C-alpha atoms as a PDB file:
ATOM      1  CA  MET A   1      99.139 112.409  77.468  1.00  0.00           C
ATOM      2  CA  THR A   2      96.269 114.324  78.968  1.00  0.00           C
ATOM      3  CA  SER A   3      94.814 115.057  75.523  1.00  0.00           C
ATOM      4  CA  GLU A   4      95.133 111.372  74.570  1.00  0.00           C
ATOM      5  CA  ARG A   5      93.162 110.420  77.617  1.00  0.00           C
ATOM      6  CA  ALA A   6      90.512 112.955  76.848  1.00  0.00           C
ATOM      7  CA  ILE A   7      90.171 111.593  73.328  1.00  0.00           C
ATOM      8  CA  HIS A   8      89.899 108.024  74.589  1.00  0.00           C
ATOM      9  CA  THR A   9      87.305 109.058  77.177  1.00  0.00           C
ATOM     10  CA  ALA A  10      85.212 110.889  74.498  1.00  0.00           C
ATOM     11  CA  MET A  11      85.500 107.918  72.116  1.00  0.00           C
ATOM     12  CA  PHE A  12      84.437 105.536  74.819  1.00  0.00           C
ATOM     13  CA  ARG A  13      81.369 107.602  75.777  1.00  0.00           C
ATOM     14  CA  LEU A  14      80.360 108.137  72.133  1.00  0.00           C
ATOM     15  CA  ILE A  15      80.606 104.402  71.586  1.00  0.00           C
ATOM     16  CA  LEU A  16      78.453 103.693  74.643  1.00  0.00           C
ATOM     17  CA  VAL A  17      75.852 106.283  73.739  1.00  0.00           C
ATOM     18  CA  GLY A  18      75.542 105.082  70.252  1.00  0.00           C
ATOM     19  CA  LEU A  19      75.216 101.479  71.238  1.00  0.00           C
ATOM     20  CA  CYS A  20      72.641 102.405  73.914  1.00  0.00           C
ATOM     21  CA  ILE A  21      70.538 104.178  71.339  1.00  0.00           C
ATOM     22  CA  LEU A  22      70.862 101.321  68.859  1.00  0.00           C
ATOM     23  CA  THR A  23      69.897  98.611  71.345  1.00  0.00           C
ATOM     24  CA  GLY A  24      67.004 100.622  72.745  1.00  0.00           C
ATOM     25  CA  TRP A  25      65.683 101.246  69.256  1.00  0.00           C
ATOM     26  CA  VAL A  26      65.981  97.619  68.141  1.00  0.00           C
ATOM     27  CA  SER A  27      64.257  96.290  71.277  1.00  0.00           C
ATOM     28  CA  TYR A  28      61.590  98.906  70.913  1.00  0.00           C
ATOM     29  CA  ARG A  29      60.973  98.213  67.350  1.00  0.00           C
ATOM     30  CA  TYR A  30      61.153  94.341  67.133  1.00  0.00           C
ATOM     31  CA  VAL A  31      60.235  93.054  70.657  1.00  0.00           C
ATOM     32  CA  GLU A  32      56.661  93.118  71.895  1.00  0.00           C
ATOM     33  CA  ASP A  33      56.795  91.815  75.461  1.00  0.00           C
ATOM     34  CA  TRP A  34      58.129  94.329  78.119  1.00  0.00           C
ATOM     35  CA  ALA A  35      60.075  91.653  80.036  1.00  0.00           C
ATOM     36  CA  LEU A  36      61.744  90.501  76.865  1.00  0.00           C
ATOM     37  CA  LYS A  37      62.664  94.140  76.008  1.00  0.00           C
ATOM     38  CA  ILE A  38      64.378  94.472  79.464  1.00  0.00           C
ATOM     39  CA  ALA A  39      66.151  91.167  79.013  1.00  0.00           C
ATOM     40  CA  ALA A  40      67.272  92.118  75.476  1.00  0.00           C
ATOM     41  CA  VAL A  41      68.770  95.317  76.631  1.00  0.00           C
ATOM     42  CA  ALA A  42      70.567  93.716  79.568  1.00  0.00           C
ATOM     43  CA  LEU A  43      71.962  90.802  77.403  1.00  0.00           C
ATOM     44  CA  SER A  44      73.095  93.074  74.584  1.00  0.00           C
ATOM     45  CA  TRP A  45      74.790  95.439  76.980  1.00  0.00           C
ATOM     46  CA  GLY A  46      76.492  92.483  78.571  1.00  0.00           C
ATOM     47  CA  VAL A  47      77.812  91.424  75.234  1.00  0.00           C
ATOM     48  CA  ILE A  48      78.715  94.949  74.138  1.00  0.00           C
ATOM     49  CA  LEU A  49      80.765  95.611  77.383  1.00  0.00           C
ATOM     50  CA  LEU A  50      82.426  92.239  77.190  1.00  0.00           C
ATOM     51  CA  ALA A  51      83.488  92.903  73.628  1.00  0.00           C
ATOM     52  CA  LEU A  52      84.794  96.410  74.476  1.00  0.00           C
ATOM     53  CA  TYR A  53      86.678  94.980  77.435  1.00  0.00           C
ATOM     54  CA  LEU A  54      88.318  92.210  75.337  1.00  0.00           C
ATOM     55  CA  VAL A  55      89.334  94.743  72.606  1.00  0.00           C
ATOM     56  CA  PHE A  56      90.828  97.154  75.104  1.00  0.00           C
ATOM     57  CA  LYS A  57      92.742  94.252  76.773  1.00  0.00           C
ATOM     58  CA  LYS A  58      94.039  92.986  73.416  1.00  0.00           C
ATOM     59  CA  PHE A  59      95.402  96.375  72.424  1.00  0.00           C
ATOM     60  CA  GLU A  60      96.681  96.890  75.932  1.00  0.00           C
ATOM     61  CA  TRP A  61      94.913 100.212  76.387  1.00  0.00           C
ATOM     62  CA  VAL A  62      94.560 101.377  79.967  1.00  0.00           C
ATOM     63  CA  TRP A  63      91.679 103.752  80.012  1.00  0.00           C
ATOM     64  CA  TRP A  64      90.149 103.467  83.449  1.00  0.00           C
ATOM     65  CA  SER A  65      93.158 103.485  85.678  1.00  0.00           C
END
């Protein structure tokens, strides 16, 4: 059970790091205004975290308890 939790934690961190890099690159590459860059990253992270939460809840995974 401990190894499964470690794998889940590593997967979760890798997903978050990868998505952070992706959203940062997209906002840097395609958005000109700094205020819009900040808003784009915040909005995309809200959507990403909501999607991850819903997927975890659907599969009944309990990762952060």
